[in-house]
């Protein structure tokens, strides 16, 4: 089983090093999400960072982006079953 505790992950955003604390499950899905979009993890993180606004931290914004991406995949599969 993967570790449920968040771990620090290093990223480069806009030429600056930063880190986010994410659980293994979110980090793995975030990497998969980046691959599926043809982006590096840093490029996807920069996109999420740009769109997140000031009310959410980057780690929270990444978790929400991963959740939304997974939900859209489920919705596409569910919809295609009823066509």
N, C-alpha and C. Protein backbone atom coordinates (compact mmCIF):
# COMPACT_ATOMS: atom_id res chain seq x y z
N UNK A 1 0.84 -1.18 0.00
CA UNK A 1 0.00 0.00 0.00
C UNK A 1 0.89 1.25 0.00
N UNK A 2 0.47 2.26 -0.70
CA UNK A 2 1.25 3.49 -0.74
C UNK A 2 1.11 4.23 0.58
N UNK A 3 2.06 5.10 0.82
CA UNK A 3 2.05 5.88 2.05
C UNK A 3 0.93 6.92 1.98
N UNK A 4 0.15 7.04 3.01
CA UNK A 4 -0.95 7.99 3.03
C UNK A 4 -0.53 9.38 3.50
N UNK A 5 0.68 9.48 4.03
CA UNK A 5 1.16 10.79 4.48
C UNK A 5 1.70 11.59 3.29
N UNK A 6 1.46 12.90 3.29
CA UNK A 6 2.02 13.73 2.21
C UNK A 6 3.55 13.72 2.27
N UNK A 7 4.16 13.79 1.09
CA UNK A 7 5.62 13.90 0.99
C UNK A 7 5.93 15.11 0.14
N UNK A 8 7.04 15.77 0.47
CA UNK A 8 7.45 16.94 -0.31
C UNK A 8 7.93 16.49 -1.69
N UNK A 9 7.47 17.19 -2.71
CA UNK A 9 7.84 16.94 -4.11
C UNK A 9 8.40 18.24 -4.66
N UNK A 10 9.51 18.18 -5.35
CA UNK A 10 10.13 19.38 -5.91
C UNK A 10 9.60 19.66 -7.31
N UNK A 11 9.34 20.93 -7.58
CA UNK A 11 8.87 21.39 -8.88
C UNK A 11 9.63 22.66 -9.25
N UNK A 12 9.66 22.94 -10.54
CA UNK A 12 10.18 24.22 -11.01
C UNK A 12 9.04 24.96 -11.69
N UNK A 13 8.69 26.12 -11.15
CA UNK A 13 7.62 26.95 -11.70
C UNK A 13 8.19 28.29 -12.11
N UNK A 14 8.05 28.60 -13.38
CA UNK A 14 8.50 29.89 -13.90
C UNK A 14 9.97 30.14 -13.57
N UNK A 15 10.78 29.08 -13.65
CA UNK A 15 12.21 29.19 -13.41
C UNK A 15 12.63 29.16 -11.96
N UNK A 16 11.70 28.97 -11.04
CA UNK A 16 12.01 28.96 -9.62
C UNK A 16 11.65 27.60 -9.02
N UNK A 17 12.52 27.09 -8.16
CA UNK A 17 12.26 25.82 -7.49
C UNK A 17 11.26 26.05 -6.36
N UNK A 18 10.34 25.11 -6.23
CA UNK A 18 9.37 25.14 -5.14
C UNK A 18 9.05 23.70 -4.78
N UNK A 19 8.29 23.51 -3.75
CA UNK A 19 7.89 22.15 -3.40
C UNK A 19 6.43 22.15 -2.98
N UNK A 20 5.81 21.01 -3.16
CA UNK A 20 4.44 20.79 -2.71
C UNK A 20 4.42 19.50 -1.92
N UNK A 21 3.54 19.41 -0.96
CA UNK A 21 3.37 18.18 -0.19
C UNK A 21 2.14 17.46 -0.70
N UNK A 22 2.38 16.29 -1.31
CA UNK A 22 1.28 15.49 -1.87
C UNK A 22 1.43 14.04 -1.46
N UNK A 23 0.31 13.39 -1.28
CA UNK A 23 0.29 11.96 -1.01
C UNK A 23 0.70 11.21 -2.27
N UNK A 24 1.25 9.99 -2.09
CA UNK A 24 1.71 9.19 -3.22
C UNK A 24 0.63 9.01 -4.28
N UNK A 25 -0.60 8.75 -3.84
CA UNK A 25 -1.68 8.49 -4.80
C UNK A 25 -1.94 9.72 -5.67
N UNK A 26 -1.95 10.90 -5.08
CA UNK A 26 -2.15 12.11 -5.87
C UNK A 26 -0.96 12.38 -6.77
N UNK A 27 0.25 12.16 -6.28
CA UNK A 27 1.44 12.40 -7.10
C UNK A 27 1.44 11.47 -8.32
N UNK A 28 1.13 10.20 -8.13
CA UNK A 28 1.10 9.25 -9.25
C UNK A 28 0.05 9.65 -10.28
N UNK A 29 -1.14 10.03 -9.82
CA UNK A 29 -2.19 10.46 -10.75
C UNK A 29 -1.83 11.77 -11.44
N UNK A 30 -1.14 12.66 -10.73
CA UNK A 30 -0.70 13.92 -11.31
C UNK A 30 0.31 13.66 -12.43
N UNK A 31 1.25 12.73 -12.20
CA UNK A 31 2.20 12.36 -13.25
C UNK A 31 1.49 11.76 -14.45
N UNK A 32 0.52 10.90 -14.20
CA UNK A 32 -0.25 10.27 -15.28
C UNK A 32 -1.04 11.33 -16.06
N UNK A 33 -1.61 12.28 -15.35
CA UNK A 33 -2.37 13.36 -15.97
C UNK A 33 -1.46 14.17 -16.89
N UNK A 34 -0.26 14.48 -16.43
CA UNK A 34 0.70 15.24 -17.24
C UNK A 34 1.04 14.46 -18.51
N UNK A 35 1.33 13.17 -18.36
CA UNK A 35 1.66 12.34 -19.53
C UNK A 35 0.52 12.32 -20.53
N UNK A 36 -0.70 12.17 -20.04
CA UNK A 36 -1.85 12.07 -20.94
C UNK A 36 -2.09 13.37 -21.70
N UNK A 37 -1.65 14.48 -21.15
CA UNK A 37 -1.80 15.78 -21.81
C UNK A 37 -0.55 16.16 -22.61
N UNK A 38 0.45 15.29 -22.60
CA UNK A 38 1.68 15.56 -23.34
C UNK A 38 2.50 16.68 -22.72
N UNK A 39 2.41 16.83 -21.39
CA UNK A 39 3.11 17.88 -20.68
C UNK A 39 4.07 17.29 -19.66
N UNK A 40 5.07 18.05 -19.30
CA UNK A 40 5.91 17.66 -18.17
C UNK A 40 5.13 17.98 -16.89
N UNK A 41 5.55 17.37 -15.80
CA UNK A 41 4.94 17.66 -14.51
C UNK A 41 5.09 19.14 -14.19
N UNK A 42 6.25 19.71 -14.47
CA UNK A 42 6.47 21.14 -14.20
C UNK A 42 5.55 22.02 -15.04
N UNK A 43 5.36 21.67 -16.30
CA UNK A 43 4.48 22.47 -17.18
C UNK A 43 3.03 22.39 -16.71
N UNK A 44 2.58 21.20 -16.32
CA UNK A 44 1.21 21.08 -15.82
C UNK A 44 1.05 21.82 -14.50
N UNK A 45 2.03 21.73 -13.63
CA UNK A 45 1.98 22.46 -12.36
C UNK A 45 1.93 23.96 -12.60
N UNK A 46 2.69 24.44 -13.58
CA UNK A 46 2.68 25.87 -13.90
C UNK A 46 1.31 26.29 -14.41
N UNK A 47 0.68 25.45 -15.20
CA UNK A 47 -0.67 25.75 -15.72
C UNK A 47 -1.67 25.82 -14.57
N UNK A 48 -1.60 24.84 -13.67
CA UNK A 48 -2.50 24.82 -12.52
C UNK A 48 -2.23 26.03 -11.63
N UNK A 49 -0.95 26.35 -11.43
CA UNK A 49 -0.57 27.51 -10.62
C UNK A 49 -1.15 28.79 -11.20
N UNK A 50 -1.06 28.93 -12.50
CA UNK A 50 -1.57 30.13 -13.18
C UNK A 50 -3.08 30.27 -12.99
N UNK A 51 -3.80 29.15 -12.99
CA UNK A 51 -5.27 29.18 -12.95
C UNK A 51 -5.87 29.11 -11.55
N UNK A 52 -5.05 28.89 -10.53
CA UNK A 52 -5.60 28.59 -9.21
C UNK A 52 -6.12 29.80 -8.44
N UNK A 53 -5.67 30.98 -8.74
CA UNK A 53 -6.06 32.14 -7.96
C UNK A 53 -5.29 32.16 -6.64
N UNK A 54 -5.66 33.08 -5.78
CA UNK A 54 -4.91 33.23 -4.53
C UNK A 54 -5.58 32.53 -3.35
N UNK A 55 -6.76 32.00 -3.55
CA UNK A 55 -7.49 31.42 -2.42
C UNK A 55 -7.06 29.98 -2.10
N UNK A 56 -6.30 29.35 -2.98
CA UNK A 56 -5.90 27.96 -2.76
C UNK A 56 -4.40 27.81 -2.87
N UNK A 57 -3.85 26.95 -2.04
CA UNK A 57 -2.44 26.61 -2.15
C UNK A 57 -2.22 25.72 -3.37
N UNK A 58 -0.98 25.64 -3.81
CA UNK A 58 -0.67 24.85 -5.01
C UNK A 58 -0.98 23.37 -4.82
N UNK A 59 -0.62 22.81 -3.67
CA UNK A 59 -0.90 21.38 -3.44
C UNK A 59 -2.40 21.10 -3.50
N UNK A 60 -3.19 21.97 -2.89
CA UNK A 60 -4.65 21.79 -2.94
C UNK A 60 -5.16 21.92 -4.36
N UNK A 61 -4.64 22.88 -5.09
CA UNK A 61 -5.06 23.07 -6.48
C UNK A 61 -4.71 21.85 -7.33
N UNK A 62 -3.56 21.24 -7.08
CA UNK A 62 -3.18 20.03 -7.81
C UNK A 62 -4.13 18.89 -7.47
N UNK A 63 -4.45 18.72 -6.19
CA UNK A 63 -5.38 17.66 -5.80
C UNK A 63 -6.74 17.84 -6.49
N UNK A 64 -7.24 19.05 -6.51
CA UNK A 64 -8.54 19.32 -7.15
C UNK A 64 -8.45 19.07 -8.65
N UNK A 65 -7.35 19.48 -9.28
CA UNK A 65 -7.18 19.24 -10.72
C UNK A 65 -7.15 17.74 -11.02
N UNK A 66 -6.46 16.97 -10.19
CA UNK A 66 -6.41 15.51 -10.36
C UNK A 66 -7.82 14.93 -10.22
N UNK A 67 -8.54 15.36 -9.19
CA UNK A 67 -9.90 14.86 -8.97
C UNK A 67 -10.80 15.19 -10.15
N UNK A 68 -10.73 16.43 -10.63
CA UNK A 68 -11.57 16.82 -11.79
C UNK A 68 -11.22 16.00 -13.03
N UNK A 69 -9.93 15.77 -13.24
CA UNK A 69 -9.49 14.99 -14.40
C UNK A 69 -10.02 13.56 -14.31
N UNK A 70 -9.90 12.95 -13.14
CA UNK A 70 -10.40 11.59 -12.97
C UNK A 70 -11.92 11.52 -13.14
N UNK A 71 -12.63 12.52 -12.61
CA UNK A 71 -14.09 12.54 -12.76
C UNK A 71 -14.49 12.69 -14.22
N UNK A 72 -13.75 13.50 -14.98
CA UNK A 72 -14.09 13.65 -16.40
C UNK A 72 -13.84 12.35 -17.15
N UNK A 73 -12.81 11.59 -16.74
CA UNK A 73 -12.58 10.28 -17.36
C UNK A 73 -13.73 9.33 -17.06
N UNK A 74 -14.20 9.32 -15.84
CA UNK A 74 -15.33 8.47 -15.45
C UNK A 74 -16.57 8.87 -16.22
N UNK A 75 -16.81 10.18 -16.33
CA UNK A 75 -17.98 10.66 -17.07
C UNK A 75 -17.93 10.25 -18.54
N UNK A 76 -16.74 10.32 -19.15
CA UNK A 76 -16.60 9.92 -20.56
C UNK A 76 -16.88 8.45 -20.73
N UNK A 77 -16.38 7.62 -19.82
CA UNK A 77 -16.60 6.17 -19.91
C UNK A 77 -18.09 5.88 -19.69
N UNK A 78 -18.70 6.52 -18.70
CA UNK A 78 -20.12 6.29 -18.42
C UNK A 78 -20.98 6.72 -19.60
N UNK A 79 -20.68 7.86 -20.19
CA UNK A 79 -21.45 8.36 -21.32
C UNK A 79 -21.31 7.43 -22.52
N UNK A 80 -20.11 6.94 -22.77
CA UNK A 80 -19.89 6.09 -23.96
C UNK A 80 -20.62 4.75 -23.82
N UNK A 81 -20.89 4.32 -22.60
CA UNK A 81 -21.62 3.06 -22.40
C UNK A 81 -23.09 3.20 -22.78
N UNK A 82 -23.62 4.41 -22.76
CA UNK A 82 -25.04 4.62 -23.03
C UNK A 82 -25.29 5.14 -24.43
N UNK A 83 -24.29 5.19 -25.26
CA UNK A 83 -24.46 5.66 -26.65
C UNK A 83 -24.89 4.54 -27.53
